[in-house]
Amino acid sequence: MTRQCARPGCAHQAVATLEYDYRGQTGWLHRLSPEPHPMTHDLCPDHAARLSLPRGWRLEDLRMVASLVQPRPAEVAGQIAS
């Protein structure tokens, strides 16, 4: 089952999960988490791209970091063949 964007009035499919820490004034945008959690917000591509946090807060978009860490299929195939 797919999950919907948490923004009111949005019916698009969620692709990212927003997690935040009020004390640390930080928000983290992850790829969609496997399971929903009441302390996070799932967002569609448009709302994830336009996300802004309160002034003074820091946003860390970890979706790109996860993409950079994962090996490409050609690299995995090369490791298996070796």
N, C-alpha and C. Protein backbone atom coordinates (compact mmCIF):
# COMPACT_ATOMS: atom_id res chain seq x y z
N MET A 1 0.84 -1.18 0.00
CA MET A 1 0.00 0.00 0.00
C MET A 1 0.89 1.25 0.00
N THR A 2 0.56 2.21 -0.84
CA THR A 2 1.33 3.45 -0.90
C THR A 2 0.82 4.43 0.15
N ARG A 3 1.68 5.36 0.52
CA ARG A 3 1.29 6.36 1.51
C ARG A 3 1.15 7.71 0.83
N GLN A 4 0.24 8.50 1.33
CA GLN A 4 -0.05 9.83 0.79
C GLN A 4 0.80 10.89 1.48
N CYS A 5 0.99 11.98 0.79
CA CYS A 5 1.67 13.14 1.36
C CYS A 5 0.90 13.64 2.58
N ALA A 6 1.63 14.04 3.60
CA ALA A 6 1.01 14.50 4.84
C ALA A 6 0.50 15.93 4.78
N ARG A 7 0.83 16.68 3.74
CA ARG A 7 0.38 18.06 3.64
C ARG A 7 -1.13 18.10 3.40
N PRO A 8 -1.85 18.92 4.14
CA PRO A 8 -3.30 19.00 3.99
C PRO A 8 -3.71 19.32 2.55
N GLY A 9 -4.65 18.56 2.05
CA GLY A 9 -5.19 18.79 0.72
C GLY A 9 -4.37 18.16 -0.40
N CYS A 10 -3.25 17.54 -0.09
CA CYS A 10 -2.42 16.92 -1.13
C CYS A 10 -2.76 15.43 -1.21
N ALA A 11 -3.03 14.97 -2.40
CA ALA A 11 -3.38 13.56 -2.61
C ALA A 11 -2.29 12.79 -3.32
N HIS A 12 -1.09 13.39 -3.46
CA HIS A 12 -0.01 12.72 -4.17
C HIS A 12 0.68 11.67 -3.29
N GLN A 13 1.34 10.74 -3.94
CA GLN A 13 2.04 9.67 -3.27
C GLN A 13 3.31 10.21 -2.59
N ALA A 14 3.56 9.78 -1.38
CA ALA A 14 4.74 10.20 -0.63
C ALA A 14 5.99 9.49 -1.15
N VAL A 15 7.11 10.22 -1.18
CA VAL A 15 8.39 9.66 -1.60
C VAL A 15 9.51 9.97 -0.60
N ALA A 16 9.23 10.80 0.39
CA ALA A 16 10.24 11.21 1.36
C ALA A 16 9.61 11.30 2.75
N THR A 17 10.44 11.16 3.76
CA THR A 17 9.98 11.27 5.15
C THR A 17 10.76 12.37 5.85
N LEU A 18 10.05 13.29 6.48
CA LEU A 18 10.66 14.37 7.25
C LEU A 18 10.68 13.99 8.72
N GLU A 19 11.87 14.08 9.30
CA GLU A 19 12.08 13.82 10.71
C GLU A 19 12.68 15.10 11.29
N TYR A 20 12.40 15.43 12.53
CA TYR A 20 12.90 16.69 13.06
C TYR A 20 13.23 16.58 14.54
N ASP A 21 14.05 17.53 15.00
CA ASP A 21 14.47 17.63 16.39
C ASP A 21 14.28 19.08 16.81
N TYR A 22 13.26 19.34 17.62
CA TYR A 22 12.99 20.71 18.05
C TYR A 22 14.15 21.31 18.83
N ARG A 23 14.71 20.57 19.76
CA ARG A 23 15.79 21.10 20.58
C ARG A 23 17.01 21.45 19.73
N GLY A 24 17.36 20.59 18.79
CA GLY A 24 18.52 20.83 17.93
C GLY A 24 18.21 21.71 16.74
N GLN A 25 16.95 22.10 16.57
CA GLN A 25 16.51 22.94 15.45
C GLN A 25 17.03 22.40 14.12
N THR A 26 16.80 21.09 13.93
CA THR A 26 17.26 20.41 12.72
C THR A 26 16.16 19.54 12.17
N GLY A 27 16.07 19.50 10.86
CA GLY A 27 15.16 18.59 10.18
C GLY A 27 15.94 17.73 9.21
N TRP A 28 15.54 16.48 9.06
CA TRP A 28 16.19 15.55 8.15
C TRP A 28 15.16 15.04 7.16
N LEU A 29 15.50 15.09 5.91
CA LEU A 29 14.64 14.58 4.86
C LEU A 29 15.27 13.29 4.34
N HIS A 30 14.56 12.18 4.54
CA HIS A 30 15.04 10.85 4.16
C HIS A 30 14.21 10.34 2.99
N ARG A 31 14.71 9.31 2.34
CA ARG A 31 13.85 8.56 1.43
C ARG A 31 12.69 8.03 2.26
N LEU A 32 11.59 7.72 1.63
CA LEU A 32 10.40 7.27 2.35
C LEU A 32 10.74 6.10 3.26
N SER A 33 10.41 6.24 4.53
CA SER A 33 10.69 5.18 5.50
C SER A 33 9.80 3.97 5.21
N PRO A 34 10.28 2.78 5.54
CA PRO A 34 9.50 1.58 5.26
C PRO A 34 8.14 1.56 5.97
N GLU A 35 8.09 2.11 7.17
CA GLU A 35 6.86 2.13 7.96
C GLU A 35 6.54 3.56 8.40
N PRO A 36 5.27 3.94 8.41
CA PRO A 36 4.92 5.27 8.91
C PRO A 36 5.16 5.36 10.42
N HIS A 37 5.44 6.55 10.89
CA HIS A 37 5.66 6.79 12.32
C HIS A 37 4.94 8.08 12.69
N PRO A 38 4.28 8.12 13.83
CA PRO A 38 3.50 9.32 14.20
C PRO A 38 4.34 10.58 14.43
N MET A 39 5.66 10.45 14.60
CA MET A 39 6.50 11.61 14.85
C MET A 39 7.23 12.09 13.59
N THR A 40 6.86 11.57 12.41
CA THR A 40 7.46 11.99 11.16
C THR A 40 6.36 12.38 10.19
N HIS A 41 6.75 12.99 9.07
CA HIS A 41 5.79 13.42 8.05
C HIS A 41 6.26 12.91 6.70
N ASP A 42 5.38 12.23 5.99
CA ASP A 42 5.69 11.75 4.64
C ASP A 42 5.31 12.83 3.65
N LEU A 43 6.17 13.07 2.66
CA LEU A 43 5.95 14.15 1.70
C LEU A 43 6.06 13.65 0.26
N CYS A 44 5.28 14.26 -0.63
CA CYS A 44 5.35 13.98 -2.06
C CYS A 44 6.58 14.70 -2.63
N PRO A 45 6.94 14.43 -3.88
CA PRO A 45 8.13 15.09 -4.47
C PRO A 45 8.04 16.61 -4.45
N ASP A 46 6.88 17.18 -4.77
CA ASP A 46 6.74 18.64 -4.80
C ASP A 46 6.93 19.26 -3.42
N HIS A 47 6.27 18.71 -2.42
CA HIS A 47 6.39 19.28 -1.08
C HIS A 47 7.77 19.04 -0.47
N ALA A 48 8.40 17.93 -0.79
CA ALA A 48 9.76 17.68 -0.30
C ALA A 48 10.73 18.69 -0.93
N ALA A 49 10.55 18.99 -2.21
CA ALA A 49 11.44 19.93 -2.90
C ALA A 49 11.27 21.36 -2.41
N ARG A 50 10.06 21.73 -2.01
CA ARG A 50 9.78 23.11 -1.58
C ARG A 50 9.80 23.28 -0.07
N LEU A 51 10.21 22.26 0.64
CA LEU A 51 10.19 22.28 2.09
C LEU A 51 11.05 23.41 2.66
N SER A 52 10.50 24.14 3.58
CA SER A 52 11.29 25.14 4.31
C SER A 52 10.99 24.97 5.79
N LEU A 53 12.02 25.14 6.58
CA LEU A 53 11.89 25.01 8.03
C LEU A 53 11.89 26.40 8.66
N PRO A 54 11.54 26.49 9.93
CA PRO A 54 11.55 27.80 10.58
C PRO A 54 12.92 28.46 10.52
N ARG A 55 12.93 29.77 10.55
CA ARG A 55 14.18 30.54 10.51
C ARG A 55 15.10 30.07 11.64
N GLY A 56 16.35 29.87 11.29
CA GLY A 56 17.34 29.42 12.27
C GLY A 56 17.50 27.91 12.31
N TRP A 57 16.60 27.18 11.67
CA TRP A 57 16.69 25.73 11.63
C TRP A 57 17.58 25.30 10.47
N ARG A 58 18.15 24.12 10.58
CA ARG A 58 18.99 23.53 9.54
C ARG A 58 18.26 22.32 8.96
N LEU A 59 18.26 22.22 7.64
CA LEU A 59 17.66 21.07 6.95
C LEU A 59 18.78 20.25 6.32
N GLU A 60 18.79 18.96 6.62
CA GLU A 60 19.74 18.05 6.02
C GLU A 60 18.98 17.10 5.12
N ASP A 61 19.24 17.18 3.82
CA ASP A 61 18.58 16.32 2.85
C ASP A 61 19.44 15.07 2.68
N LEU A 62 19.06 14.01 3.35
CA LEU A 62 19.83 12.78 3.34
C LEU A 62 19.45 11.85 2.20
N ARG A 63 18.51 12.26 1.37
CA ARG A 63 18.14 11.43 0.21
C ARG A 63 19.30 11.36 -0.76
N MET A 64 20.01 12.43 -0.97
CA MET A 64 21.14 12.45 -1.90
C MET A 64 22.32 11.66 -1.32
N VAL A 65 22.55 11.76 -0.03
CA VAL A 65 23.64 11.04 0.61
C VAL A 65 23.42 9.55 0.45
N ALA A 66 22.19 9.08 0.64
CA ALA A 66 21.89 7.66 0.49
C ALA A 66 22.14 7.21 -0.94
N SER A 67 21.83 8.05 -1.92
CA SER A 67 22.06 7.69 -3.32
C SER A 67 23.54 7.58 -3.62
N LEU A 68 24.35 8.46 -3.04
CA LEU A 68 25.78 8.45 -3.31
C LEU A 68 26.48 7.26 -2.67
N VAL A 69 25.93 6.74 -1.58
CA VAL A 69 26.56 5.65 -0.86
C VAL A 69 26.28 4.30 -1.51
N GLN A 70 25.14 4.16 -2.14
CA GLN A 70 24.76 2.88 -2.74
C GLN A 70 25.60 2.63 -3.99
N PRO A 71 26.15 1.40 -4.12
CA PRO A 71 26.94 1.09 -5.32
C PRO A 71 26.04 0.98 -6.55
N ARG A 72 26.62 1.29 -7.70
CA ARG A 72 25.89 1.15 -8.95
C ARG A 72 25.84 -0.32 -9.33
N PRO A 73 24.81 -0.76 -10.08
CA PRO A 73 24.70 -2.17 -10.45
C PRO A 73 25.95 -2.72 -11.13
N ALA A 74 26.62 -1.93 -11.96
CA ALA A 74 27.84 -2.39 -12.64
C ALA A 74 28.94 -2.71 -11.63
N GLU A 75 29.04 -1.91 -10.56
CA GLU A 75 30.05 -2.15 -9.54
C GLU A 75 29.74 -3.44 -8.79
N VAL A 76 28.47 -3.68 -8.49
CA VAL A 76 28.08 -4.90 -7.79
C VAL A 76 28.37 -6.11 -8.67
N ALA A 77 28.03 -6.02 -9.96
CA ALA A 77 28.28 -7.11 -10.88
C ALA A 77 29.78 -7.41 -10.97
N GLY A 78 30.61 -6.36 -11.00
CA GLY A 78 32.05 -6.53 -11.06
C GLY A 78 32.60 -7.22 -9.82
N GLN A 79 32.03 -6.92 -8.65
CA GLN A 79 32.47 -7.55 -7.41
C GLN A 79 32.09 -9.02 -7.37
N ILE A 80 30.93 -9.34 -7.90
CA ILE A 80 30.46 -10.73 -7.91
C ILE A 80 31.31 -11.56 -8.87
N ALA A 81 31.67 -10.97 -10.02
CA ALA A 81 32.45 -11.68 -11.03
C ALA A 81 33.89 -11.92 -10.58
N SER A 82 34.41 -11.04 -9.69
CA SER A 82 35.80 -11.13 -9.26
C SER A 82 36.05 -12.30 -8.33
